[in-house]
Amino acid sequence: PTVAAIEAGKDIALANKETLIAGGPFVLPLAHKHQVKILPADSEHSAIFQ
């Protein structure tokens, strides 16, 4: 679902870090290519992001 949303140009709110840990080398360049923002949805990750 994350890749499909990125390819559709939708900004992503991630509630876990596994997507970026496992797929970061693929997901991050794809998000950059489609000018998609990846935002933290979890309070702990949001605190780090801020």
N, C-alpha and C. Protein backbone atom coordinates (compact mmCIF):
# COMPACT_ATOMS: atom_id res chain seq x y z
N PRO A 1 0.81 -1.22 0.00
CA PRO A 1 0.00 0.00 0.00
C PRO A 1 0.85 1.28 0.00
N THR A 2 2.00 1.23 0.66
CA THR A 2 2.84 2.43 0.73
C THR A 2 3.36 2.80 -0.65
N VAL A 3 3.86 1.83 -1.38
CA VAL A 3 4.40 2.10 -2.71
C VAL A 3 3.31 2.59 -3.65
N ALA A 4 2.14 1.98 -3.61
CA ALA A 4 1.03 2.40 -4.46
C ALA A 4 0.63 3.84 -4.15
N ALA A 5 0.59 4.18 -2.88
CA ALA A 5 0.23 5.55 -2.49
C ALA A 5 1.28 6.55 -2.98
N ILE A 6 2.55 6.18 -2.85
CA ILE A 6 3.62 7.06 -3.32
C ILE A 6 3.51 7.26 -4.82
N GLU A 7 3.31 6.17 -5.55
CA GLU A 7 3.19 6.27 -7.01
C GLU A 7 1.98 7.08 -7.43
N ALA A 8 0.96 7.15 -6.57
CA ALA A 8 -0.23 7.96 -6.85
C ALA A 8 -0.03 9.41 -6.42
N GLY A 9 1.15 9.71 -5.86
CA GLY A 9 1.44 11.08 -5.47
C GLY A 9 0.87 11.51 -4.14
N LYS A 10 0.51 10.54 -3.31
CA LYS A 10 -0.08 10.83 -1.99
C LYS A 10 1.01 10.95 -0.93
N ASP A 11 0.91 11.96 -0.08
CA ASP A 11 1.82 12.04 1.05
C ASP A 11 1.56 10.87 1.98
N ILE A 12 2.59 10.42 2.68
CA ILE A 12 2.52 9.22 3.50
C ILE A 12 2.70 9.58 4.97
N ALA A 13 1.84 9.02 5.81
CA ALA A 13 2.00 9.13 7.27
C ALA A 13 2.31 7.73 7.78
N LEU A 14 3.55 7.53 8.21
CA LEU A 14 3.96 6.21 8.68
C LEU A 14 3.76 6.09 10.19
N ALA A 15 3.16 5.00 10.60
CA ALA A 15 2.94 4.75 12.02
C ALA A 15 4.00 3.82 12.60
N ASN A 16 4.88 3.31 11.74
CA ASN A 16 5.95 2.43 12.23
C ASN A 16 7.21 2.69 11.42
N LYS A 17 8.31 2.21 11.93
CA LYS A 17 9.58 2.44 11.24
C LYS A 17 9.99 1.30 10.32
N GLU A 18 9.27 0.19 10.37
CA GLU A 18 9.66 -0.99 9.60
C GLU A 18 9.69 -0.72 8.09
N THR A 19 8.76 0.08 7.61
CA THR A 19 8.73 0.39 6.17
C THR A 19 10.04 1.03 5.74
N LEU A 20 10.54 1.96 6.53
CA LEU A 20 11.78 2.64 6.16
C LEU A 20 13.01 1.79 6.44
N ILE A 21 12.96 0.98 7.48
CA ILE A 21 14.11 0.11 7.78
C ILE A 21 14.26 -0.95 6.70
N ALA A 22 13.18 -1.62 6.37
CA ALA A 22 13.23 -2.71 5.39
C ALA A 22 13.29 -2.19 3.96
N GLY A 23 12.55 -1.13 3.67
CA GLY A 23 12.45 -0.68 2.28
C GLY A 23 12.99 0.69 2.00
N GLY A 24 13.69 1.27 2.97
CA GLY A 24 14.20 2.63 2.81
C GLY A 24 14.96 2.89 1.53
N PRO A 25 15.90 2.00 1.14
CA PRO A 25 16.64 2.24 -0.10
C PRO A 25 15.75 2.28 -1.34
N PHE A 26 14.58 1.70 -1.26
CA PHE A 26 13.63 1.73 -2.38
C PHE A 26 12.58 2.83 -2.20
N VAL A 27 12.05 2.93 -0.97
CA VAL A 27 10.93 3.85 -0.70
C VAL A 27 11.36 5.31 -0.77
N LEU A 28 12.49 5.65 -0.18
CA LEU A 28 12.90 7.05 -0.14
C LEU A 28 13.16 7.65 -1.52
N PRO A 29 13.91 6.98 -2.41
CA PRO A 29 14.08 7.54 -3.75
C PRO A 29 12.76 7.62 -4.52
N LEU A 30 11.87 6.65 -4.30
CA LEU A 30 10.57 6.68 -4.97
C LEU A 30 9.76 7.88 -4.49
N ALA A 31 9.78 8.14 -3.19
CA ALA A 31 9.06 9.30 -2.65
C ALA A 31 9.65 10.60 -3.21
N HIS A 32 10.96 10.65 -3.31
CA HIS A 32 11.60 11.85 -3.87
C HIS A 32 11.20 12.04 -5.33
N LYS A 33 11.20 10.96 -6.08
CA LYS A 33 10.84 11.01 -7.50
C LYS A 33 9.42 11.55 -7.70
N HIS A 34 8.51 11.14 -6.83
CA HIS A 34 7.10 11.54 -6.96
C HIS A 34 6.76 12.77 -6.10
N GLN A 35 7.79 13.40 -5.52
CA GLN A 35 7.64 14.59 -4.68
C GLN A 35 6.61 14.37 -3.57
N VAL A 36 6.76 13.23 -2.89
CA VAL A 36 5.85 12.84 -1.81
C VAL A 36 6.56 13.04 -0.47
N LYS A 37 5.83 13.57 0.49
CA LYS A 37 6.36 13.72 1.85
C LYS A 37 6.07 12.47 2.65
N ILE A 38 7.05 12.06 3.45
CA ILE A 38 6.85 10.95 4.39
C ILE A 38 6.88 11.55 5.78
N LEU A 39 5.74 11.48 6.45
CA LEU A 39 5.58 12.11 7.76
C LEU A 39 5.34 11.06 8.84
N PRO A 40 5.82 11.31 10.05
CA PRO A 40 5.59 10.36 11.14
C PRO A 40 4.19 10.52 11.72
N ALA A 41 3.50 9.41 11.95
CA ALA A 41 2.17 9.44 12.56
C ALA A 41 2.22 9.03 14.02
N ASP A 42 3.28 8.37 14.42
CA ASP A 42 3.46 7.91 15.80
C ASP A 42 4.03 9.05 16.65
N SER A 43 3.58 9.18 17.88
CA SER A 43 4.02 10.30 18.72
C SER A 43 5.53 10.30 18.97
N GLU A 44 6.11 9.12 19.16
CA GLU A 44 7.56 9.05 19.40
C GLU A 44 8.34 9.50 18.17
N HIS A 45 7.95 9.01 17.01
CA HIS A 45 8.64 9.39 15.77
C HIS A 45 8.38 10.86 15.44
N SER A 46 7.19 11.33 15.75
CA SER A 46 6.86 12.73 15.51
C SER A 46 7.74 13.65 16.34
N ALA A 47 8.00 13.27 17.58
CA ALA A 47 8.87 14.07 18.45
C ALA A 47 10.27 14.16 17.87
N ILE A 48 10.77 13.08 17.32
CA ILE A 48 12.10 13.08 16.69
C ILE A 48 12.08 13.95 15.44
N PHE A 49 11.01 13.84 14.65
CA PHE A 49 10.86 14.60 13.41
C PHE A 49 10.85 16.10 13.69
N GLN A 50 10.16 16.50 14.78
CA GLN A 50 10.04 17.92 15.11
C GLN A 50 11.37 18.46 15.56
